[in-house]
N, C-alpha and C. Protein backbone atom coordinates (compact mmCIF):
# COMPACT_ATOMS: atom_id res chain seq x y z
N MET A 1 -38.14 11.91 25.12
CA MET A 1 -39.62 11.86 24.93
C MET A 1 -40.23 10.99 25.89
N PRO A 2 -41.29 11.65 26.49
CA PRO A 2 -42.05 10.76 27.58
C PRO A 2 -42.78 9.76 26.93
N THR A 3 -42.95 8.62 27.64
CA THR A 3 -43.75 7.47 27.30
C THR A 3 -45.25 7.83 27.39
N PRO A 4 -46.15 7.20 26.54
CA PRO A 4 -47.53 7.51 26.80
C PRO A 4 -48.08 7.35 28.28
N THR A 5 -48.80 8.37 28.68
CA THR A 5 -49.27 8.08 30.13
C THR A 5 -50.50 7.07 29.99
N LYS A 6 -50.59 6.07 30.91
CA LYS A 6 -51.56 5.24 30.72
C LYS A 6 -52.76 5.24 31.63
N SER A 7 -52.47 5.97 32.77
CA SER A 7 -53.62 6.23 33.81
C SER A 7 -53.37 7.58 34.55
N ALA A 8 -54.46 7.76 35.13
CA ALA A 8 -54.45 9.09 35.98
C ALA A 8 -53.37 8.95 37.18
N SER A 9 -53.23 7.64 37.54
CA SER A 9 -52.33 7.43 38.80
C SER A 9 -50.89 7.63 38.20
N ASP A 10 -50.59 7.36 36.97
CA ASP A 10 -49.16 7.70 36.31
C ASP A 10 -49.05 9.27 36.47
N ILE A 11 -50.02 10.06 36.13
CA ILE A 11 -49.88 11.56 36.30
C ILE A 11 -49.72 11.93 37.54
N ILE A 12 -50.59 11.45 38.55
CA ILE A 12 -50.46 11.68 39.93
C ILE A 12 -49.04 11.40 40.33
N CYS A 13 -48.53 10.34 40.02
CA CYS A 13 -47.07 9.98 40.47
C CYS A 13 -46.13 10.83 40.03
N THR A 14 -46.25 11.23 38.75
CA THR A 14 -45.31 12.31 38.25
C THR A 14 -45.31 13.64 38.92
N ILE A 15 -46.55 13.95 39.15
CA ILE A 15 -46.67 15.19 40.00
C ILE A 15 -46.00 15.21 41.27
N ARG A 16 -46.24 14.08 41.92
CA ARG A 16 -45.71 13.86 43.38
C ARG A 16 -44.05 13.81 43.22
N GLU A 17 -43.66 12.97 42.29
CA GLU A 17 -42.13 12.87 42.18
C GLU A 17 -41.48 14.24 41.74
N SER A 18 -42.18 15.19 41.24
CA SER A 18 -41.76 16.59 40.85
C SER A 18 -41.69 17.48 42.21
N GLY A 19 -42.36 16.98 43.10
CA GLY A 19 -42.35 17.93 44.31
C GLY A 19 -43.59 18.75 44.31
N HIS A 20 -44.51 18.60 43.45
CA HIS A 20 -45.71 19.40 43.34
C HIS A 20 -46.87 18.76 44.29
N ARG A 21 -47.81 19.65 44.52
CA ARG A 21 -49.02 19.10 45.35
C ARG A 21 -49.99 18.55 44.28
N VAL A 22 -50.61 17.47 44.92
CA VAL A 22 -51.72 16.73 44.23
C VAL A 22 -53.02 17.40 44.81
N THR A 23 -53.79 17.80 43.98
CA THR A 23 -55.18 18.35 44.28
C THR A 23 -56.31 17.60 43.54
N ASN A 24 -57.45 18.12 44.15
CA ASN A 24 -58.71 17.35 43.51
C ASN A 24 -58.71 17.92 42.04
N GLY A 25 -58.41 19.20 41.79
CA GLY A 25 -58.43 19.76 40.46
C GLY A 25 -57.46 18.95 39.50
N LYS A 26 -56.24 18.76 39.96
CA LYS A 26 -55.23 17.84 39.16
C LYS A 26 -55.77 16.63 38.89
N ARG A 27 -56.32 15.86 39.98
CA ARG A 27 -56.85 14.67 39.75
C ARG A 27 -57.93 14.75 38.59
N ALA A 28 -58.83 15.68 38.59
CA ALA A 28 -59.94 15.83 37.87
C ALA A 28 -59.51 16.01 36.27
N VAL A 29 -58.41 16.91 36.16
CA VAL A 29 -57.94 17.20 34.95
C VAL A 29 -57.20 16.02 34.34
N ALA A 30 -56.57 15.29 35.15
CA ALA A 30 -55.86 14.07 34.80
C ALA A 30 -56.90 13.04 34.16
N GLU A 31 -58.07 12.77 34.93
CA GLU A 31 -59.13 12.05 34.65
C GLU A 31 -59.72 12.38 33.26
N VAL A 32 -59.93 13.67 33.03
CA VAL A 32 -60.47 14.16 31.75
C VAL A 32 -59.52 13.85 30.62
N LEU A 33 -58.32 14.17 30.73
CA LEU A 33 -57.26 13.86 29.75
C LEU A 33 -57.20 12.35 29.41
N ILE A 34 -57.14 11.57 30.41
CA ILE A 34 -57.06 10.10 30.12
C ILE A 34 -58.27 9.71 29.33
N SER A 35 -59.38 10.07 29.74
CA SER A 35 -60.68 9.53 29.25
C SER A 35 -61.06 9.95 27.82
N SER A 36 -60.30 11.07 27.37
CA SER A 36 -60.66 11.74 26.10
C SER A 36 -60.18 10.88 24.98
N THR A 37 -60.97 10.91 23.95
CA THR A 37 -60.60 10.17 22.79
C THR A 37 -60.06 11.10 21.66
N SER A 38 -60.04 12.40 22.06
CA SER A 38 -59.74 13.43 21.11
C SER A 38 -58.92 14.53 21.77
N HIS A 39 -58.43 15.51 20.98
CA HIS A 39 -57.84 16.60 21.66
C HIS A 39 -58.72 17.53 22.19
N LEU A 40 -58.44 18.15 23.25
CA LEU A 40 -59.54 19.06 23.91
C LEU A 40 -58.98 20.52 24.03
N SER A 41 -59.86 21.43 23.68
CA SER A 41 -59.54 22.84 24.14
C SER A 41 -59.71 23.08 25.47
N VAL A 42 -59.20 24.18 25.90
CA VAL A 42 -59.31 24.48 27.25
C VAL A 42 -60.77 24.57 27.76
N ASP A 43 -61.59 25.07 26.92
CA ASP A 43 -63.12 25.25 27.25
C ASP A 43 -63.71 23.80 27.43
N GLU A 44 -63.22 22.82 26.59
CA GLU A 44 -63.66 21.51 26.72
C GLU A 44 -63.22 20.79 27.98
N VAL A 45 -61.90 21.13 28.35
CA VAL A 45 -61.37 20.66 29.58
C VAL A 45 -62.12 21.24 30.76
N VAL A 46 -62.41 22.48 30.65
CA VAL A 46 -63.06 23.17 31.83
C VAL A 46 -64.42 22.61 31.94
N GLN A 47 -65.18 22.35 31.05
CA GLN A 47 -66.47 21.87 31.03
C GLN A 47 -66.57 20.46 31.55
N ALA A 48 -65.53 19.64 31.11
CA ALA A 48 -65.46 18.29 31.61
C ALA A 48 -65.00 18.17 33.02
N VAL A 49 -64.13 19.13 33.46
CA VAL A 49 -63.64 19.03 34.77
C VAL A 49 -64.83 19.57 35.77
N ARG A 50 -65.48 20.55 35.28
CA ARG A 50 -66.62 21.06 36.32
C ARG A 50 -67.60 19.99 36.36
N ALA A 51 -67.83 19.03 35.52
CA ALA A 51 -68.77 17.95 35.65
C ALA A 51 -68.40 17.03 36.83
N ILE A 52 -67.07 17.02 36.99
CA ILE A 52 -66.52 16.08 38.01
C ILE A 52 -66.30 16.95 39.31
N GLU A 53 -65.73 18.19 39.19
CA GLU A 53 -65.56 18.99 40.49
C GLU A 53 -65.96 20.48 40.12
N PRO A 54 -67.27 20.64 40.24
CA PRO A 54 -67.92 21.97 39.88
C PRO A 54 -67.34 23.25 40.45
N GLU A 55 -66.80 23.07 41.71
CA GLU A 55 -66.13 24.20 42.25
C GLU A 55 -64.80 24.78 41.85
N ILE A 56 -64.25 23.91 40.85
CA ILE A 56 -62.86 24.31 40.35
C ILE A 56 -63.07 25.47 39.20
N ASN A 57 -62.47 26.66 39.51
CA ASN A 57 -62.71 27.68 38.44
C ASN A 57 -61.72 27.51 37.30
N GLN A 58 -62.05 28.21 36.26
CA GLN A 58 -61.45 28.13 34.89
C GLN A 58 -59.84 28.51 35.02
N SER A 59 -59.56 29.52 35.87
CA SER A 59 -58.03 29.94 35.94
C SER A 59 -57.30 28.85 36.54
N THR A 60 -57.86 28.10 37.47
CA THR A 60 -57.11 26.95 38.08
C THR A 60 -56.95 26.08 37.03
N ILE A 61 -57.81 25.64 36.30
CA ILE A 61 -57.77 24.72 35.15
C ILE A 61 -56.72 25.00 34.26
N TYR A 62 -56.65 26.35 33.90
CA TYR A 62 -55.53 26.80 32.91
C TYR A 62 -54.02 26.61 33.62
N ARG A 63 -54.08 26.93 34.97
CA ARG A 63 -52.75 26.70 35.55
C ARG A 63 -52.35 25.36 35.69
N ILE A 64 -53.34 24.39 35.93
CA ILE A 64 -53.18 22.94 35.91
C ILE A 64 -52.48 22.40 34.59
N LEU A 65 -53.14 22.91 33.54
CA LEU A 65 -52.74 22.50 32.16
C LEU A 65 -51.34 23.04 31.89
N GLU A 66 -50.92 24.32 32.44
CA GLU A 66 -49.59 24.75 32.08
C GLU A 66 -48.57 24.01 32.99
N GLU A 67 -49.05 23.62 34.28
CA GLU A 67 -48.16 22.66 35.13
C GLU A 67 -48.00 21.39 34.43
N PHE A 68 -48.99 20.76 33.96
CA PHE A 68 -48.98 19.50 33.17
C PHE A 68 -48.06 19.57 32.01
N GLU A 69 -48.10 20.75 31.36
CA GLU A 69 -47.19 20.86 30.14
C GLU A 69 -45.66 21.15 30.56
N GLU A 70 -45.46 21.74 31.66
CA GLU A 70 -44.13 21.92 32.17
C GLU A 70 -43.46 20.46 32.62
N LEU A 71 -44.46 19.74 33.15
CA LEU A 71 -43.89 18.45 33.63
C LEU A 71 -43.83 17.33 32.63
N GLY A 72 -44.22 17.77 31.18
CA GLY A 72 -44.23 16.88 30.19
C GLY A 72 -45.22 16.03 30.07
N LEU A 73 -46.41 16.15 30.78
CA LEU A 73 -47.45 15.30 30.76
C LEU A 73 -48.38 15.46 29.61
N VAL A 74 -48.64 16.74 29.25
CA VAL A 74 -49.39 17.08 28.02
C VAL A 74 -48.64 17.92 27.16
N VAL A 75 -49.17 18.06 25.87
CA VAL A 75 -48.56 19.13 24.97
C VAL A 75 -49.91 19.76 24.30
N HIS A 76 -49.71 20.98 23.92
CA HIS A 76 -50.76 21.69 23.19
C HIS A 76 -50.31 21.86 21.65
N SER A 77 -51.36 21.93 20.87
CA SER A 77 -51.13 21.99 19.51
C SER A 77 -52.11 23.21 19.03
N HIS A 78 -51.64 23.91 17.97
CA HIS A 78 -52.50 24.87 17.40
C HIS A 78 -53.02 24.39 15.87
N LEU A 79 -54.27 24.23 15.84
CA LEU A 79 -54.75 23.55 14.66
C LEU A 79 -55.41 24.69 13.97
N GLY A 80 -54.84 25.21 12.94
CA GLY A 80 -55.40 26.36 12.02
C GLY A 80 -55.60 27.64 12.97
N ALA A 81 -56.77 28.24 12.70
CA ALA A 81 -57.24 29.20 13.39
C ALA A 81 -57.97 29.26 14.74
N SER A 82 -58.18 27.81 15.04
CA SER A 82 -58.84 27.56 16.30
C SER A 82 -58.09 27.77 17.50
N ALA A 83 -58.55 27.64 18.73
CA ALA A 83 -57.87 27.59 19.94
C ALA A 83 -56.89 26.41 20.11
N ALA A 84 -55.96 26.55 20.85
CA ALA A 84 -55.08 25.56 21.28
C ALA A 84 -55.80 24.41 21.72
N VAL A 85 -55.25 23.08 21.45
CA VAL A 85 -55.84 21.88 22.03
C VAL A 85 -54.74 21.10 22.67
N TYR A 86 -55.24 20.36 23.70
CA TYR A 86 -54.41 19.53 24.62
C TYR A 86 -54.57 18.17 24.39
N HIS A 87 -53.31 17.35 24.44
CA HIS A 87 -53.51 15.96 24.54
C HIS A 87 -52.32 15.45 25.39
N LEU A 88 -52.45 14.22 25.65
CA LEU A 88 -51.27 13.56 26.44
C LEU A 88 -49.85 13.56 25.76
N ALA A 89 -48.98 13.76 26.53
CA ALA A 89 -47.63 13.53 25.86
C ALA A 89 -47.33 12.08 25.55
N GLY A 90 -46.55 12.02 24.57
CA GLY A 90 -46.13 10.60 24.22
C GLY A 90 -46.94 10.07 22.92
N GLN A 91 -48.10 10.87 22.59
CA GLN A 91 -48.92 10.49 21.42
C GLN A 91 -48.34 11.52 20.33
N ASN A 92 -47.24 11.14 19.77
CA ASN A 92 -46.46 11.88 18.85
C ASN A 92 -47.12 11.88 17.43
N HIS A 93 -47.58 12.95 17.03
CA HIS A 93 -48.44 12.98 15.71
C HIS A 93 -48.45 14.48 15.32
N ALA A 94 -48.92 14.46 13.93
CA ALA A 94 -49.03 15.90 13.50
C ALA A 94 -50.44 15.93 13.02
N HIS A 95 -50.77 17.04 12.30
CA HIS A 95 -52.24 17.31 11.96
C HIS A 95 -52.36 18.01 10.59
N LEU A 96 -53.34 17.50 9.80
CA LEU A 96 -53.78 18.17 8.70
C LEU A 96 -55.22 18.82 8.90
N VAL A 97 -55.32 19.97 8.56
CA VAL A 97 -56.50 20.77 8.88
C VAL A 97 -57.09 21.34 7.60
N CYS A 98 -58.33 21.06 7.30
CA CYS A 98 -58.91 21.50 6.12
C CYS A 98 -59.39 22.93 6.31
N ASP A 99 -58.93 23.82 5.42
CA ASP A 99 -59.39 25.26 5.43
C ASP A 99 -60.77 25.39 5.20
N ASN A 100 -61.39 24.44 4.62
CA ASN A 100 -62.84 24.58 3.92
C ASN A 100 -63.91 24.05 5.07
N CYS A 101 -63.79 22.84 5.43
CA CYS A 101 -64.67 22.20 6.33
C CYS A 101 -64.18 22.14 7.83
N GLY A 102 -62.86 22.29 8.02
CA GLY A 102 -62.32 22.18 9.40
C GLY A 102 -62.02 20.75 9.76
N LEU A 103 -62.16 19.73 8.93
CA LEU A 103 -61.88 18.45 9.38
C LEU A 103 -60.32 18.46 9.72
N THR A 104 -60.16 17.80 10.80
CA THR A 104 -58.55 17.59 11.25
C THR A 104 -58.32 16.18 11.26
N GLN A 105 -57.13 15.83 10.65
CA GLN A 105 -56.70 14.48 10.57
C GLN A 105 -55.49 14.31 11.11
N GLU A 106 -55.19 13.26 12.05
CA GLU A 106 -53.99 13.09 12.60
C GLU A 106 -53.10 12.21 11.69
N ILE A 107 -51.85 12.64 11.56
CA ILE A 107 -50.81 11.86 10.62
C ILE A 107 -49.60 11.60 11.53
N PRO A 108 -48.86 10.32 11.33
CA PRO A 108 -47.68 10.08 12.12
C PRO A 108 -46.67 11.16 11.96
N ALA A 109 -46.14 11.45 13.11
CA ALA A 109 -45.06 12.45 13.11
C ALA A 109 -43.85 12.05 12.26
N THR A 110 -43.71 10.84 12.04
CA THR A 110 -42.69 10.47 11.16
C THR A 110 -42.78 10.96 9.76
N THR A 111 -43.88 11.40 9.32
CA THR A 111 -44.07 12.03 8.06
C THR A 111 -43.07 13.14 7.79
N PHE A 112 -42.72 13.74 9.04
CA PHE A 112 -41.65 14.95 8.89
C PHE A 112 -40.28 14.63 9.18
N ASP A 113 -40.04 13.31 9.18
CA ASP A 113 -38.57 13.05 9.33
C ASP A 113 -37.59 13.64 8.60
N VAL A 114 -37.83 13.61 7.19
CA VAL A 114 -36.90 14.20 6.08
C VAL A 114 -36.93 15.60 6.22
N MET A 115 -38.07 16.21 6.41
CA MET A 115 -38.09 17.82 6.55
C MET A 115 -37.36 18.06 7.80
N GLU A 116 -37.47 17.37 8.85
CA GLU A 116 -36.91 17.85 10.26
C GLU A 116 -35.41 17.89 9.92
N VAL A 117 -34.74 16.76 9.38
CA VAL A 117 -33.36 16.80 9.04
C VAL A 117 -32.99 17.93 8.16
N GLN A 118 -33.73 18.11 7.03
CA GLN A 118 -33.46 19.21 6.15
C GLN A 118 -33.38 20.65 6.93
N LEU A 119 -34.50 20.98 7.70
CA LEU A 119 -34.50 22.13 8.40
C LEU A 119 -33.44 22.38 9.31
N ARG A 120 -33.01 21.30 10.11
CA ARG A 120 -31.86 21.44 11.04
C ARG A 120 -30.66 21.80 10.16
N GLU A 121 -30.29 20.96 9.08
CA GLU A 121 -29.12 21.07 8.22
C GLU A 121 -29.05 22.44 7.62
N LYS A 122 -30.05 22.77 6.89
CA LYS A 122 -30.05 24.00 6.12
C LYS A 122 -30.30 25.41 6.96
N PHE A 123 -31.05 25.30 7.99
CA PHE A 123 -31.44 26.48 8.71
C PHE A 123 -31.06 26.46 10.21
N GLY A 124 -30.53 25.37 10.78
CA GLY A 124 -30.26 25.16 12.11
C GLY A 124 -31.56 25.26 12.90
N PHE A 125 -32.55 24.83 12.29
CA PHE A 125 -33.98 24.89 13.03
C PHE A 125 -34.36 23.65 13.46
N ASN A 126 -34.78 23.42 14.86
CA ASN A 126 -35.38 22.21 15.40
C ASN A 126 -36.91 22.35 15.33
N LEU A 127 -37.48 21.34 14.69
CA LEU A 127 -38.86 21.35 14.35
C LEU A 127 -39.54 20.74 15.77
N ASP A 128 -40.52 21.46 16.23
CA ASP A 128 -41.43 20.93 17.26
C ASP A 128 -42.53 20.18 16.72
N ARG A 129 -42.59 18.86 16.57
CA ARG A 129 -43.54 18.18 15.77
C ARG A 129 -45.07 18.25 16.56
N HIS A 130 -45.07 18.54 17.76
CA HIS A 130 -46.25 18.55 18.46
C HIS A 130 -47.12 19.70 18.00
N HIS A 131 -46.48 20.79 17.39
CA HIS A 131 -47.17 21.89 16.99
C HIS A 131 -47.37 21.94 15.48
N VAL A 132 -46.98 20.88 14.80
CA VAL A 132 -47.06 21.01 13.29
C VAL A 132 -48.68 20.78 12.97
N ALA A 133 -49.13 21.64 12.14
CA ALA A 133 -50.52 21.47 11.66
C ALA A 133 -50.42 22.16 10.25
N LEU A 134 -50.48 21.36 9.25
CA LEU A 134 -50.56 21.75 7.82
C LEU A 134 -52.04 22.04 7.44
N SER A 135 -52.23 23.21 6.88
CA SER A 135 -53.69 23.48 6.32
C SER A 135 -53.67 23.41 4.86
N GLY A 136 -54.75 23.07 4.31
CA GLY A 136 -55.05 22.91 3.04
C GLY A 136 -56.48 22.42 2.77
N LEU A 137 -56.65 21.58 1.76
CA LEU A 137 -58.08 21.04 1.45
C LEU A 137 -57.99 19.57 1.75
N CYS A 138 -59.07 18.98 2.36
CA CYS A 138 -59.21 17.57 2.51
C CYS A 138 -59.64 17.03 1.21
N ALA A 139 -59.51 15.73 1.06
CA ALA A 139 -59.86 15.02 -0.29
C ALA A 139 -61.39 15.46 -0.76
N THR A 140 -62.24 15.45 0.17
CA THR A 140 -63.71 15.68 -0.24
C THR A 140 -63.80 17.05 -0.54
N CYS A 141 -63.26 18.09 -0.03
CA CYS A 141 -63.35 19.45 -0.31
C CYS A 141 -62.65 19.62 -1.75
N ARG A 142 -61.48 19.09 -1.88
CA ARG A 142 -60.60 19.20 -3.06
C ARG A 142 -61.55 18.67 -4.28
N GLU A 143 -62.20 17.46 -3.89
CA GLU A 143 -63.02 16.96 -5.01
C GLU A 143 -64.26 17.74 -5.37
N ASN A 144 -64.77 18.27 -4.45
CA ASN A 144 -65.89 19.34 -4.68
C ASN A 144 -65.59 20.46 -5.47
N GLN A 145 -64.29 21.09 -5.13
CA GLN A 145 -63.88 22.21 -5.87
C GLN A 145 -63.46 21.90 -7.40
N GLU A 146 -63.08 20.69 -7.53
CA GLU A 146 -62.78 20.19 -8.87
C GLU A 146 -63.90 20.05 -9.86
N LYS A 147 -65.11 19.82 -9.27
CA LYS A 147 -66.29 19.45 -10.06
C LYS A 147 -66.65 20.80 -10.80
């Protein structure tokens, strides 16, 4: 498991050490991911990167995100029916997504420790905790339905 990336220079070092080229686009994507306080969809990454480097096209940003994921720098998650979102690797958590209002809440990945063992023992299945998103109703929506 990679340790959380602390700076864009950490990402750049990983890119160089892997033998990949360092480009302005990769620097911009790194800066966007580091400065984000939330998970970002590809469209949000594209918009933020273009604010820094307007000439970088969308397909290049897609390829950069794929490369970063291959290098273990970022992971993507699917939160309900919405588009995939990206966040830095090492921020191991899962998500609760409200089917009614769309609220997304991060929960510790350790919440799934027992389930992960049971899935492996009973089914030979290895859980990818980065992609875990449970859907249901948040407390507020549940209370509103019970009224």
